[in-house]
Amino acid sequence: MAEFVSVAKVDQIPDGTVQAFELNGEMIAVVNCDGQFYAVNNICSHAYAELHEGEVDTEECTIECPLHGSMFDLQSGRPRSLPAVTPIATYAVQIVGDEVQVAV
């Protein structure tokens, strides 16, 4: 069973922003999309690029790869645009008090 680990305070990741963390050897991006927090693998599935350097679209709840522009759905990890065709991993997130916790 996955264990939840605190990564940040809620107010440290404002709406429309993303922060990167390393948990158990995994590079994870935590995104605040309109008050809902998501955690995804921070590395694009198409070519090595760190997604936390990309743009967050709060209307579509996506993150854009800064290298080639692929858009990834934050809830499912599925690419919404080319050139990426492989989904990125997603991780469960919970808010406990003012702590953002990610399942690892």
C-alpha atoms as a PDB file:
ATOM      1  CA  MET A   1       0.000   0.000   0.000  1.00  0.00           C
ATOM      2  CA  ALA A   2       1.263   3.469  -0.873  1.00  0.00           C
ATOM      3  CA  GLU A   3       2.397   5.784   1.889  1.00  0.00           C
ATOM      4  CA  PHE A   4       1.559   9.488   1.709  1.00  0.00           C
ATOM      5  CA  VAL A   5       4.488  11.875   2.156  1.00  0.00           C
ATOM      6  CA  SER A   6       4.192  15.616   2.837  1.00  0.00           C
ATOM      7  CA  VAL A   7       5.912  17.634   0.101  1.00  0.00           C
ATOM      8  CA  ALA A   8       4.764  21.228   0.668  1.00  0.00           C
ATOM      9  CA  LYS A   9       2.281  23.530   2.343  1.00  0.00           C
ATOM     10  CA  VAL A  10      -0.821  24.307   0.279  1.00  0.00           C
ATOM     11  CA  ASP A  11       0.110  27.993   0.031  1.00  0.00           C
ATOM     12  CA  GLN A  12       3.572  27.131  -1.348  1.00  0.00           C
ATOM     13  CA  ILE A  13       2.003  25.952  -4.631  1.00  0.00           C
ATOM     14  CA  PRO A  14      -0.342  28.763  -5.764  1.00  0.00           C
ATOM     15  CA  ASP A  15      -3.066  28.174  -8.343  1.00  0.00           C
ATOM     16  CA  GLY A  16      -1.672  27.614 -11.836  1.00  0.00           C
ATOM     17  CA  THR A  17       1.818  26.733 -10.628  1.00  0.00           C
ATOM     18  CA  VAL A  18       3.896  23.584 -10.362  1.00  0.00           C
ATOM     19  CA  GLN A  19       6.775  22.451  -8.170  1.00  0.00           C
ATOM     20  CA  ALA A  20       9.135  19.521  -8.626  1.00  0.00           C
ATOM     21  CA  PHE A  21      10.078  17.031  -5.941  1.00  0.00           C
ATOM     22  CA  GLU A  22      12.106  13.836  -5.764  1.00  0.00           C
ATOM     23  CA  LEU A  23      10.358  11.067  -3.838  1.00  0.00           C
ATOM     24  CA  ASN A  24      11.823   7.573  -3.565  1.00  0.00           C
ATOM     25  CA  GLY A  25      13.982   8.241  -6.606  1.00  0.00           C
ATOM     26  CA  GLU A  26      11.051   9.461  -8.725  1.00  0.00           C
ATOM     27  CA  MET A  27      10.917  12.965 -10.179  1.00  0.00           C
ATOM     28  CA  ILE A  28       7.392  14.217  -9.426  1.00  0.00           C
ATOM     29  CA  ALA A  29       5.648  17.443 -10.427  1.00  0.00           C
ATOM     30  CA  VAL A  30       2.896  18.682  -8.094  1.00  0.00           C
ATOM     31  CA  VAL A  31       0.443  21.036  -9.789  1.00  0.00           C
ATOM     32  CA  ASN A  32      -2.283  23.268  -8.385  1.00  0.00           C
ATOM     33  CA  CYS A  33      -5.057  23.454 -10.977  1.00  0.00           C
ATOM     34  CA  ASP A  34      -7.837  25.733  -9.768  1.00  0.00           C
ATOM     35  CA  GLY A  35      -7.395  24.577  -6.158  1.00  0.00           C
ATOM     36  CA  GLN A  36      -7.160  20.880  -7.017  1.00  0.00           C
ATOM     37  CA  PHE A  37      -3.730  19.312  -6.570  1.00  0.00           C
ATOM     38  CA  TYR A  38      -2.308  16.722  -8.952  1.00  0.00           C
ATOM     39  CA  ALA A  39       0.975  14.812  -8.975  1.00  0.00           C
ATOM     40  CA  VAL A  40       2.512  13.431 -12.165  1.00  0.00           C
ATOM     41  CA  ASN A  41       5.876  12.137 -13.290  1.00  0.00           C
ATOM     42  CA  ASN A  42       8.014  15.209 -13.936  1.00  0.00           C
ATOM     43  CA  ILE A  43       9.705  13.774 -17.047  1.00  0.00           C
ATOM     44  CA  CYS A  44       7.995  13.976 -20.449  1.00  0.00           C
ATOM     45  CA  SER A  45       7.304  10.566 -21.990  1.00  0.00           C
ATOM     46  CA  HIS A  46       8.381  11.741 -25.461  1.00  0.00           C
ATOM     47  CA  ALA A  47      11.866  13.161 -24.836  1.00  0.00           C
ATOM     48  CA  TYR A  48      13.708  14.133 -21.688  1.00  0.00           C
ATOM     49  CA  ALA A  49      12.283  17.423 -20.451  1.00  0.00           C
ATOM     50  CA  GLU A  50      11.226  18.433 -16.962  1.00  0.00           C
ATOM     51  CA  LEU A  51       7.522  19.209 -17.017  1.00  0.00           C
ATOM     52  CA  HIS A  52       7.663  21.578 -14.037  1.00  0.00           C
ATOM     53  CA  GLU A  53       9.360  24.014 -16.428  1.00  0.00           C
ATOM     54  CA  GLY A  54       6.276  23.979 -18.683  1.00  0.00           C
ATOM     55  CA  GLU A  55       3.038  25.954 -18.620  1.00  0.00           C
ATOM     56  CA  VAL A  56      -0.051  24.912 -16.643  1.00  0.00           C
ATOM     57  CA  ASP A  57      -3.468  25.445 -18.258  1.00  0.00           C
ATOM     58  CA  THR A  58      -5.947  25.747 -15.371  1.00  0.00           C
ATOM     59  CA  GLU A  59      -8.991  25.688 -17.667  1.00  0.00           C
ATOM     60  CA  GLU A  60      -8.017  22.354 -19.238  1.00  0.00           C
ATOM     61  CA  CYS A  61      -6.044  21.039 -16.202  1.00  0.00           C
ATOM     62  CA  THR A  62      -3.038  20.207 -18.359  1.00  0.00           C
ATOM     63  CA  ILE A  63       0.697  20.769 -18.263  1.00  0.00           C
ATOM     64  CA  GLU A  64       2.726  21.514 -21.376  1.00  0.00           C
ATOM     65  CA  CYS A  65       6.141  20.020 -22.041  1.00  0.00           C
ATOM     66  CA  PRO A  66       8.614  22.902 -22.380  1.00  0.00           C
ATOM     67  CA  LEU A  67      10.630  21.084 -25.069  1.00  0.00           C
ATOM     68  CA  HIS A  68       8.183  20.021 -27.793  1.00  0.00           C
ATOM     69  CA  GLY A  69       4.807  21.284 -26.539  1.00  0.00           C
ATOM     70  CA  SER A  70       2.972  18.046 -25.742  1.00  0.00           C
ATOM     71  CA  MET A  71       0.055  18.647 -23.399  1.00  0.00           C
ATOM     72  CA  PHE A  72      -0.616  16.118 -20.615  1.00  0.00           C
ATOM     73  CA  ASP A  73      -3.900  15.670 -18.754  1.00  0.00           C
ATOM     74  CA  LEU A  74      -3.134  16.120 -15.051  1.00  0.00           C
ATOM     75  CA  GLN A  75      -5.786  13.678 -13.873  1.00  0.00           C
ATOM     76  CA  SER A  76      -5.012  10.738 -16.169  1.00  0.00           C
ATOM     77  CA  GLY A  77      -1.458  11.493 -17.355  1.00  0.00           C
ATOM     78  CA  ARG A  78      -2.558  10.928 -20.964  1.00  0.00           C
ATOM     79  CA  PRO A  79      -1.075  13.108 -23.673  1.00  0.00           C
ATOM     80  CA  ARG A  80      -3.585  15.409 -25.342  1.00  0.00           C
ATOM     81  CA  SER A  81      -1.282  16.449 -28.158  1.00  0.00           C
ATOM     82  CA  LEU A  82       1.648  15.174 -30.168  1.00  0.00           C
ATOM     83  CA  PRO A  83       4.482  14.417 -30.263  1.00  0.00           C
ATOM     84  CA  ALA A  84       3.967  12.477 -26.990  1.00  0.00           C
ATOM     85  CA  VAL A  85       1.852   9.328 -27.322  1.00  0.00           C
ATOM     86  CA  THR A  86       2.688   7.561 -24.049  1.00  0.00           C
ATOM     87  CA  PRO A  87       1.014   8.629 -20.789  1.00  0.00           C
ATOM     88  CA  ILE A  88       3.019   9.823 -17.792  1.00  0.00           C
ATOM     89  CA  ALA A  89       2.526   8.283 -14.354  1.00  0.00           C
ATOM     90  CA  THR A  90       0.099   9.914 -11.945  1.00  0.00           C
ATOM     91  CA  TYR A  91       0.176   9.751  -8.152  1.00  0.00           C
ATOM     92  CA  ALA A  92      -2.545  10.098  -5.545  1.00  0.00           C
ATOM     93  CA  VAL A  93      -2.603  13.416  -3.674  1.00  0.00           C
ATOM     94  CA  GLN A  94      -4.313  14.309  -0.434  1.00  0.00           C
ATOM     95  CA  ILE A  95      -4.498  17.488   1.621  1.00  0.00           C
ATOM     96  CA  VAL A  96      -4.129  17.039   5.372  1.00  0.00           C
ATOM     97  CA  GLY A  97      -4.528  20.311   7.221  1.00  0.00           C
ATOM     98  CA  ASP A  98      -2.317  22.667   5.199  1.00  0.00           C
ATOM     99  CA  GLU A  99       0.012  19.908   3.918  1.00  0.00           C
ATOM    100  CA  VAL A 100       0.072  18.582   0.349  1.00  0.00           C
ATOM    101  CA  GLN A 101       0.814  14.860   0.501  1.00  0.00           C
ATOM    102  CA  VAL A 102       1.714  12.552  -2.375  1.00  0.00           C
ATOM    103  CA  ALA A 103       1.443   8.748  -2.349  1.00  0.00           C
ATOM    104  CA  VAL A 104       4.726   6.979  -3.013  1.00  0.00           C
END
